[in-house]
Amino acid sequence: MAQAQKPRARDIGIPFDGTPGKYNAITDVKGVQVGFSTIIEGDGKNIIGKGPVRTGVTAILPRGQSSTPVYANWYTLNGNGEMTGTTWVTESGFLETPILITNTNSVGVCRDAMLKWFVQKKLDKGRRLVHLPLSCRDLGWRFKRHLRLPCKGKQCL
């Protein structure tokens, strides 16, 4: 059974400054890049520890493939999410790396893979920057109760 799409804020009269971009999406912002990788394994009933698996990784690159810092901050919504790199964002107010969003069990492997990619691409350009990637979990527990580790890192790059 397909669910009806929820109305967007502007559609129900909630005012915002400015005008939406062409696609009304984060990618409308000049320089921002977004990539994703989807992992689908197995079919049938969802059995904890076995699957099927429905997960993936979304990467948001605020300045594209550049380490030019952006002003940043973070917020916890429900108090039990996993996120790396928040201490540096709090202390400095900057973010020099992409933001990765994945399932709870893949936060660490995505953080490590992104840091490896960042160094391989030489995005630090010889500067001594603090590379503490933001890797965080999404709230997909309803679909991701597999308790497996399907993300091996290659999906993050």
N, C-alpha and C. Protein backbone atom coordinates (compact mmCIF):
# COMPACT_ATOMS: atom_id res chain seq x y z
N MET A 1 0.84 -1.17 0.00
CA MET A 1 0.00 0.00 0.00
C MET A 1 0.90 1.25 0.00
N ALA A 2 0.75 2.08 -0.99
CA ALA A 2 1.56 3.30 -1.10
C ALA A 2 0.95 4.38 -0.22
N GLN A 3 1.82 5.11 0.47
CA GLN A 3 1.36 6.21 1.31
C GLN A 3 1.32 7.49 0.49
N ALA A 4 0.34 8.33 0.80
CA ALA A 4 0.26 9.61 0.13
C ALA A 4 1.42 10.48 0.59
N GLN A 5 1.98 11.27 -0.33
CA GLN A 5 3.08 12.15 0.00
C GLN A 5 2.58 13.25 0.94
N LYS A 6 3.36 13.50 1.99
CA LYS A 6 2.99 14.56 2.93
C LYS A 6 3.14 15.91 2.25
N PRO A 7 2.28 16.88 2.60
CA PRO A 7 2.40 18.20 1.99
C PRO A 7 3.69 18.88 2.45
N ARG A 8 4.24 19.70 1.58
CA ARG A 8 5.43 20.47 1.91
C ARG A 8 5.00 21.71 2.68
N ALA A 9 5.92 22.26 3.47
CA ALA A 9 5.60 23.39 4.35
C ALA A 9 5.00 24.57 3.58
N ARG A 10 5.62 24.94 2.46
CA ARG A 10 5.09 26.08 1.70
C ARG A 10 3.69 25.80 1.16
N ASP A 11 3.41 24.53 0.86
CA ASP A 11 2.10 24.17 0.32
C ASP A 11 0.97 24.37 1.33
N ILE A 12 1.31 24.34 2.62
CA ILE A 12 0.26 24.51 3.63
C ILE A 12 0.35 25.88 4.32
N GLY A 13 1.11 26.79 3.68
CA GLY A 13 1.11 28.18 4.12
C GLY A 13 2.17 28.57 5.13
N ILE A 14 3.15 27.73 5.40
CA ILE A 14 4.22 28.11 6.32
C ILE A 14 5.20 28.99 5.54
N PRO A 15 5.38 30.24 5.98
CA PRO A 15 6.21 31.17 5.21
C PRO A 15 7.72 30.96 5.45
N PHE A 16 8.49 31.07 4.40
CA PHE A 16 9.94 31.05 4.45
C PHE A 16 10.46 32.21 3.62
N ASP A 17 11.59 32.78 4.04
CA ASP A 17 12.22 33.82 3.23
C ASP A 17 12.79 33.19 1.96
N GLY A 18 12.86 33.97 0.91
CA GLY A 18 13.49 33.51 -0.31
C GLY A 18 12.56 32.73 -1.22
N THR A 19 13.13 32.30 -2.32
CA THR A 19 12.39 31.56 -3.33
C THR A 19 13.07 30.22 -3.56
N PRO A 20 12.31 29.14 -3.63
CA PRO A 20 12.94 27.83 -3.88
C PRO A 20 13.67 27.83 -5.22
N GLY A 21 14.70 27.01 -5.29
CA GLY A 21 15.42 26.85 -6.54
C GLY A 21 14.64 26.03 -7.54
N LYS A 22 15.24 25.77 -8.67
CA LYS A 22 14.58 25.06 -9.77
C LYS A 22 13.99 23.72 -9.33
N TYR A 23 14.74 22.98 -8.50
CA TYR A 23 14.29 21.65 -8.08
C TYR A 23 13.80 21.61 -6.63
N ASN A 24 13.86 22.75 -5.93
CA ASN A 24 13.49 22.81 -4.53
C ASN A 24 14.26 21.75 -3.75
N ALA A 25 15.56 21.69 -4.00
CA ALA A 25 16.40 20.65 -3.42
C ALA A 25 17.73 21.23 -2.97
N ILE A 26 18.44 20.50 -2.13
CA ILE A 26 19.74 20.95 -1.64
C ILE A 26 20.71 21.17 -2.80
N THR A 27 20.56 20.43 -3.87
CA THR A 27 21.45 20.57 -5.03
C THR A 27 21.20 21.85 -5.82
N ASP A 28 20.16 22.59 -5.48
CA ASP A 28 19.95 23.91 -6.08
C ASP A 28 20.99 24.91 -5.59
N VAL A 29 21.62 24.62 -4.45
CA VAL A 29 22.62 25.52 -3.88
C VAL A 29 23.92 25.36 -4.66
N LYS A 30 24.42 26.46 -5.21
CA LYS A 30 25.63 26.43 -6.03
C LYS A 30 26.79 25.80 -5.27
N GLY A 31 27.44 24.83 -5.91
CA GLY A 31 28.62 24.18 -5.35
C GLY A 31 28.33 22.93 -4.54
N VAL A 32 27.11 22.75 -4.07
CA VAL A 32 26.77 21.57 -3.27
C VAL A 32 26.61 20.37 -4.19
N GLN A 33 27.23 19.26 -3.80
CA GLN A 33 27.07 18.00 -4.53
C GLN A 33 26.49 16.96 -3.58
N VAL A 34 25.66 16.09 -4.11
CA VAL A 34 25.07 15.01 -3.33
C VAL A 34 25.21 13.72 -4.12
N GLY A 35 25.65 12.67 -3.42
CA GLY A 35 25.75 11.35 -4.03
C GLY A 35 25.13 10.32 -3.11
N PHE A 36 24.83 9.15 -3.68
CA PHE A 36 24.24 8.10 -2.83
C PHE A 36 24.59 6.73 -3.40
N SER A 37 24.48 5.75 -2.54
CA SER A 37 24.65 4.35 -2.91
C SER A 37 23.60 3.56 -2.15
N THR A 38 22.88 2.71 -2.85
CA THR A 38 21.81 1.91 -2.25
C THR A 38 22.25 0.46 -2.17
N ILE A 39 22.00 -0.18 -1.03
CA ILE A 39 22.33 -1.60 -0.85
C ILE A 39 21.02 -2.35 -0.66
N ILE A 40 20.75 -3.28 -1.57
CA ILE A 40 19.56 -4.13 -1.49
C ILE A 40 20.04 -5.57 -1.58
N GLU A 41 19.78 -6.34 -0.53
CA GLU A 41 20.16 -7.75 -0.50
C GLU A 41 19.00 -8.56 0.04
N GLY A 42 18.61 -9.60 -0.71
CA GLY A 42 17.60 -10.53 -0.24
C GLY A 42 16.18 -10.05 -0.41
N ASP A 43 15.27 -10.98 -0.16
CA ASP A 43 13.84 -10.72 -0.26
C ASP A 43 13.15 -11.45 0.89
N GLY A 44 11.86 -11.22 1.01
CA GLY A 44 11.07 -11.95 1.99
C GLY A 44 10.90 -11.21 3.29
N LYS A 45 10.48 -11.97 4.31
CA LYS A 45 10.20 -11.42 5.63
C LYS A 45 11.48 -10.88 6.27
N ASN A 46 11.34 -9.77 6.98
CA ASN A 46 12.48 -9.14 7.65
C ASN A 46 12.78 -9.91 8.94
N ILE A 47 13.92 -10.60 8.93
CA ILE A 47 14.35 -11.38 10.09
C ILE A 47 15.61 -10.73 10.66
N ILE A 48 15.53 -10.33 11.94
CA ILE A 48 16.65 -9.65 12.57
C ILE A 48 17.89 -10.54 12.51
N GLY A 49 18.99 -9.96 12.03
CA GLY A 49 20.25 -10.67 11.91
C GLY A 49 20.45 -11.34 10.56
N LYS A 50 19.38 -11.43 9.76
CA LYS A 50 19.49 -12.10 8.46
C LYS A 50 19.10 -11.20 7.30
N GLY A 51 18.10 -10.42 7.48
CA GLY A 51 17.68 -9.54 6.40
C GLY A 51 16.23 -9.76 6.02
N PRO A 52 15.81 -9.31 4.88
CA PRO A 52 16.61 -8.72 3.83
C PRO A 52 17.17 -7.35 4.23
N VAL A 53 18.13 -6.88 3.45
CA VAL A 53 18.81 -5.62 3.73
C VAL A 53 18.30 -4.55 2.78
N ARG A 54 17.96 -3.42 3.34
CA ARG A 54 17.58 -2.22 2.59
C ARG A 54 18.26 -1.05 3.28
N THR A 55 19.37 -0.61 2.76
CA THR A 55 20.13 0.47 3.40
C THR A 55 20.95 1.21 2.35
N GLY A 56 21.88 2.00 2.77
CA GLY A 56 22.72 2.73 1.84
C GLY A 56 23.45 3.87 2.50
N VAL A 57 24.00 4.73 1.68
CA VAL A 57 24.77 5.88 2.15
C VAL A 57 24.42 7.08 1.28
N THR A 58 24.24 8.23 1.90
CA THR A 58 24.09 9.50 1.19
C THR A 58 25.25 10.39 1.60
N ALA A 59 25.90 11.01 0.64
CA ALA A 59 27.01 11.93 0.90
C ALA A 59 26.62 13.32 0.44
N ILE A 60 26.81 14.29 1.32
CA ILE A 60 26.56 15.69 0.99
C ILE A 60 27.91 16.40 1.04
N LEU A 61 28.31 16.97 -0.09
CA LEU A 61 29.58 17.70 -0.18
C LEU A 61 29.26 19.19 -0.27
N PRO A 62 29.36 19.90 0.87
CA PRO A 62 28.93 21.30 0.90
C PRO A 62 29.63 22.21 -0.10
N ARG A 63 30.89 21.95 -0.41
CA ARG A 63 31.64 22.75 -1.38
C ARG A 63 32.11 21.87 -2.54
N GLY A 64 31.38 20.84 -2.84
CA GLY A 64 31.82 19.92 -3.87
C GLY A 64 33.08 19.21 -3.41
N GLN A 65 33.95 18.87 -4.32
CA GLN A 65 35.18 18.16 -3.96
C GLN A 65 36.26 19.16 -3.59
N SER A 66 36.03 19.87 -2.50
CA SER A 66 36.94 20.89 -2.00
C SER A 66 36.97 20.81 -0.49
N SER A 67 38.08 21.18 0.11
CA SER A 67 38.17 21.20 1.57
C SER A 67 37.98 22.60 2.13
N THR A 68 37.52 23.51 1.30
CA THR A 68 37.25 24.86 1.79
C THR A 68 36.18 24.77 2.88
N PRO A 69 36.50 25.22 4.09
CA PRO A 69 35.55 25.06 5.19
C PRO A 69 34.24 25.82 4.97
N VAL A 70 33.19 25.28 5.55
CA VAL A 70 31.90 25.95 5.60
C VAL A 70 31.55 26.12 7.08
N TYR A 71 30.81 27.17 7.41
CA TYR A 71 30.33 27.31 8.78
C TYR A 71 29.38 26.17 9.05
N ALA A 72 29.46 25.63 10.27
CA ALA A 72 28.63 24.46 10.57
C ALA A 72 28.23 24.44 12.03
N ASN A 73 27.19 23.72 12.29
CA ASN A 73 26.75 23.39 13.63
C ASN A 73 25.94 22.11 13.52
N TRP A 74 25.52 21.58 14.62
CA TRP A 74 24.75 20.34 14.57
C TRP A 74 23.72 20.35 15.69
N TYR A 75 22.77 19.44 15.57
CA TYR A 75 21.67 19.35 16.52
C TYR A 75 21.26 17.90 16.65
N THR A 76 20.97 17.46 17.84
CA THR A 76 20.46 16.11 18.03
C THR A 76 18.95 16.17 18.19
N LEU A 77 18.27 15.35 17.43
CA LEU A 77 16.80 15.38 17.44
C LEU A 77 16.22 14.50 18.53
N ASN A 78 16.69 13.26 18.61
CA ASN A 78 16.07 12.34 19.56
C ASN A 78 17.02 11.82 20.63
N GLY A 79 18.25 12.27 20.63
CA GLY A 79 19.18 11.95 21.69
C GLY A 79 19.85 10.60 21.63
N ASN A 80 19.50 9.75 20.68
CA ASN A 80 20.16 8.44 20.64
C ASN A 80 20.78 8.15 19.28
N GLY A 81 20.98 9.14 18.47
CA GLY A 81 21.60 8.95 17.17
C GLY A 81 23.11 8.89 17.28
N GLU A 82 23.74 8.25 16.33
CA GLU A 82 25.19 8.17 16.28
C GLU A 82 25.70 9.17 15.27
N MET A 83 26.73 9.95 15.67
CA MET A 83 27.33 10.91 14.75
C MET A 83 28.77 11.16 15.16
N THR A 84 29.67 11.09 14.19
CA THR A 84 31.08 11.39 14.46
C THR A 84 31.37 12.81 14.04
N GLY A 85 32.41 13.41 14.61
CA GLY A 85 32.88 14.72 14.18
C GLY A 85 32.20 15.91 14.81
N THR A 86 31.23 15.68 15.69
CA THR A 86 30.48 16.81 16.24
C THR A 86 31.30 17.67 17.20
N THR A 87 32.25 17.07 17.90
CA THR A 87 33.05 17.85 18.83
C THR A 87 33.84 18.93 18.09
N TRP A 88 34.45 18.57 16.95
CA TRP A 88 35.21 19.55 16.18
C TRP A 88 34.28 20.64 15.63
N VAL A 89 33.12 20.27 15.16
CA VAL A 89 32.18 21.27 14.65
C VAL A 89 31.79 22.23 15.77
N THR A 90 31.54 21.69 16.97
CA THR A 90 31.18 22.54 18.11
C THR A 90 32.32 23.48 18.47
N GLU A 91 33.54 22.97 18.53
CA GLU A 91 34.69 23.78 18.94
C GLU A 91 35.10 24.82 17.91
N SER A 92 35.07 24.44 16.64
CA SER A 92 35.58 25.34 15.59
C SER A 92 34.49 26.12 14.87
N GLY A 93 33.32 25.51 14.74
CA GLY A 93 32.25 26.12 13.95
C GLY A 93 32.42 25.89 12.46
N PHE A 94 33.35 24.98 12.09
CA PHE A 94 33.64 24.71 10.68
C PHE A 94 33.47 23.23 10.35
N LEU A 95 33.28 22.99 9.06
CA LEU A 95 33.25 21.64 8.51
C LEU A 95 34.06 21.66 7.23
N GLU A 96 35.05 20.76 7.13
CA GLU A 96 35.90 20.70 5.94
C GLU A 96 35.67 19.45 5.12
N THR A 97 34.78 18.59 5.56
CA THR A 97 34.59 17.29 4.92
C THR A 97 33.14 17.09 4.50
N PRO A 98 32.89 16.09 3.68
CA PRO A 98 31.51 15.74 3.37
C PRO A 98 30.75 15.26 4.60
N ILE A 99 29.45 15.25 4.52
CA ILE A 99 28.57 14.71 5.54
C ILE A 99 28.03 13.40 4.99
N LEU A 100 28.16 12.32 5.77
CA LEU A 100 27.66 11.02 5.34
C LEU A 100 26.48 10.61 6.21
N ILE A 101 25.44 10.12 5.58
CA ILE A 101 24.26 9.66 6.30
C ILE A 101 24.07 8.19 5.93
N THR A 102 23.97 7.32 6.95
CA THR A 102 23.88 5.88 6.71
C THR A 102 23.13 5.23 7.86
N ASN A 103 23.15 3.91 7.92
CA ASN A 103 22.49 3.23 9.03
C ASN A 103 23.41 3.18 10.24
N THR A 104 22.86 2.94 11.40
CA THR A 104 23.59 2.98 12.66
C THR A 104 24.86 2.13 12.63
N ASN A 105 24.77 0.92 12.12
CA ASN A 105 25.91 0.00 12.15
C ASN A 105 27.00 0.34 11.14
N SER A 106 26.77 1.31 10.27
CA SER A 106 27.75 1.67 9.25
C SER A 106 28.38 3.04 9.46
N VAL A 107 28.04 3.72 10.55
CA VAL A 107 28.59 5.05 10.80
C VAL A 107 30.11 5.03 10.81
N GLY A 108 30.70 4.09 11.54
CA GLY A 108 32.16 4.02 11.66
C GLY A 108 32.85 3.70 10.35
N VAL A 109 32.38 2.68 9.64
CA VAL A 109 33.03 2.29 8.39
C VAL A 109 32.90 3.40 7.35
N CYS A 110 31.79 4.12 7.34
CA CYS A 110 31.63 5.24 6.40
C CYS A 110 32.57 6.39 6.76
N ARG A 111 32.73 6.66 8.05
CA ARG A 111 33.66 7.69 8.49
C ARG A 111 35.07 7.36 8.02
N ASP A 112 35.49 6.11 8.24
CA ASP A 112 36.85 5.69 7.85
C ASP A 112 37.04 5.75 6.34
N ALA A 113 36.06 5.28 5.59
CA ALA A 113 36.16 5.28 4.12
C ALA A 113 36.22 6.71 3.58
N MET A 114 35.42 7.62 4.16
CA MET A 114 35.43 8.99 3.70
C MET A 114 36.77 9.66 3.98
N LEU A 115 37.33 9.39 5.15
CA LEU A 115 38.62 9.98 5.50
C LEU A 115 39.71 9.47 4.55
N LYS A 116 39.67 8.18 4.22
CA LYS A 116 40.62 7.60 3.26
C LYS A 116 40.47 8.28 1.90
N TRP A 117 39.23 8.46 1.44
CA TRP A 117 38.96 9.11 0.15
C TRP A 117 39.49 10.54 0.18
N PHE A 118 39.24 11.25 1.27
CA PHE A 118 39.65 12.64 1.42
C PHE A 118 41.17 12.77 1.28
N VAL A 119 41.90 11.88 1.94
CA VAL A 119 43.37 11.91 1.90
C VAL A 119 43.87 11.50 0.51
N GLN A 120 43.28 10.44 -0.08
CA GLN A 120 43.70 10.00 -1.42
C GLN A 120 43.51 11.08 -2.46
N LYS A 121 42.44 11.85 -2.34
CA LYS A 121 42.17 12.93 -3.29
C LYS A 121 43.02 14.17 -3.01
N LYS A 122 43.77 14.15 -1.91
CA LYS A 122 44.64 15.25 -1.50
C LYS A 122 43.85 16.56 -1.38
N LEU A 123 42.67 16.44 -0.80
CA LEU A 123 41.82 17.61 -0.66
C LEU A 123 42.30 18.57 0.42
N ASP A 124 43.27 18.14 1.23
CA ASP A 124 43.79 19.05 2.24
C ASP A 124 44.81 20.02 1.65
N LYS A 125 45.27 19.74 0.43
CA LYS A 125 46.19 20.63 -0.31
C LYS A 125 47.40 21.04 0.52
N GLY A 126 47.90 20.08 1.33
CA GLY A 126 49.09 20.34 2.11
C GLY A 126 48.86 21.14 3.38
N ARG A 127 47.62 21.57 3.61
CA ARG A 127 47.32 22.32 4.83
C ARG A 127 47.10 21.37 5.99
N ARG A 128 47.29 21.85 7.16
CA ARG A 128 47.05 21.03 8.35
C ARG A 128 45.64 21.31 8.85
N LEU A 129 44.69 20.64 8.27
CA LEU A 129 43.30 20.79 8.69
C LEU A 129 42.92 19.64 9.61
N VAL A 130 41.92 19.85 10.39
CA VAL A 130 41.40 18.78 11.23
C VAL A 130 40.36 18.03 10.41
N HIS A 131 40.65 16.78 10.11
CA HIS A 131 39.74 15.98 9.30
C HIS A 131 38.92 15.07 10.20
N LEU A 132 37.84 15.58 10.71
CA LEU A 132 36.94 14.80 11.53
C LEU A 132 35.59 14.75 10.82
N PRO A 133 35.42 13.75 9.97
CA PRO A 133 34.21 13.68 9.14
C PRO A 133 32.93 13.56 9.95
N LEU A 134 31.89 14.17 9.44
CA LEU A 134 30.56 13.97 10.01
C LEU A 134 29.94 12.75 9.33
N SER A 135 29.81 11.70 10.08
CA SER A 135 29.14 10.49 9.62
C SER A 135 28.03 10.22 10.62
N CYS A 136 26.80 10.15 10.13
CA CYS A 136 25.68 10.01 11.06
C CYS A 136 24.67 8.99 10.56
N ARG A 137 23.85 8.58 11.48
CA ARG A 137 22.85 7.57 11.15
C ARG A 137 21.52 8.23 10.80
N ASP A 138 20.77 7.54 9.98
CA ASP A 138 19.43 8.00 9.67
C ASP A 138 18.45 7.25 10.56
N LEU A 139 17.20 7.57 10.46
CA LEU A 139 16.18 6.91 11.28
C LEU A 139 15.41 5.95 10.39
N GLY A 140 16.08 4.87 10.00
CA GLY A 140 15.46 3.89 9.12
C GLY A 140 15.23 2.55 9.79
N TRP A 141 15.05 2.54 11.10
CA TRP A 141 14.96 1.29 11.83
C TRP A 141 13.84 0.39 11.35
N ARG A 142 12.80 0.96 10.84
CA ARG A 142 11.67 0.16 10.38
C ARG A 142 12.06 -0.75 9.21
N PHE A 143 13.03 -0.28 8.41
CA PHE A 143 13.44 -1.02 7.23
C PHE A 143 14.78 -1.73 7.42
N LYS A 144 15.51 -1.37 8.47
CA LYS A 144 16.89 -1.83 8.59
C LYS A 144 17.12 -2.66 9.85
N ARG A 145 16.24 -3.50 10.20
CA ARG A 145 16.37 -4.28 11.41
C ARG A 145 17.20 -5.53 11.18
N HIS A 146 18.11 -5.49 10.25
CA HIS A 146 18.89 -6.67 9.88
C HIS A 146 20.07 -6.92 10.80
N LEU A 147 20.53 -5.90 11.52
CA LEU A 147 21.68 -6.02 12.43
C LEU A 147 22.88 -6.68 11.75
N ARG A 148 23.07 -6.36 10.51
CA ARG A 148 24.22 -6.85 9.76
C ARG A 148 25.08 -5.65 9.41
N LEU A 149 26.22 -5.91 8.78
CA LEU A 149 27.12 -4.85 8.36
C LEU A 149 27.27 -4.88 6.84
N PRO A 150 26.22 -4.51 6.11
CA PRO A 150 26.27 -4.60 4.65
C PRO A 150 27.16 -3.57 3.99
N CYS A 151 27.39 -2.44 4.63
CA CYS A 151 28.23 -1.40 4.05
C CYS A 151 29.68 -1.70 4.36
N LYS A 152 30.47 -1.90 3.31
CA LYS A 152 31.89 -2.26 3.46
C LYS A 152 32.80 -1.08 3.24
N GLY A 153 32.29 0.08 2.99
CA GLY A 153 33.10 1.27 2.78
C GLY A 153 33.13 1.73 1.34
N LYS A 154 33.11 0.79 0.39
CA LYS A 154 33.17 1.18 -1.02
C LYS A 154 31.93 1.98 -1.42
N GLN A 155 30.81 1.75 -0.71
CA GLN A 155 29.58 2.49 -1.02
C GLN A 155 29.69 3.95 -0.61
N CYS A 156 30.65 4.27 0.24
CA CYS A 156 30.80 5.64 0.75
C CYS A 156 31.62 6.52 -0.18
N LEU A 157 32.34 5.93 -1.14
CA LEU A 157 33.30 6.70 -1.92
C LEU A 157 32.70 7.26 -3.19
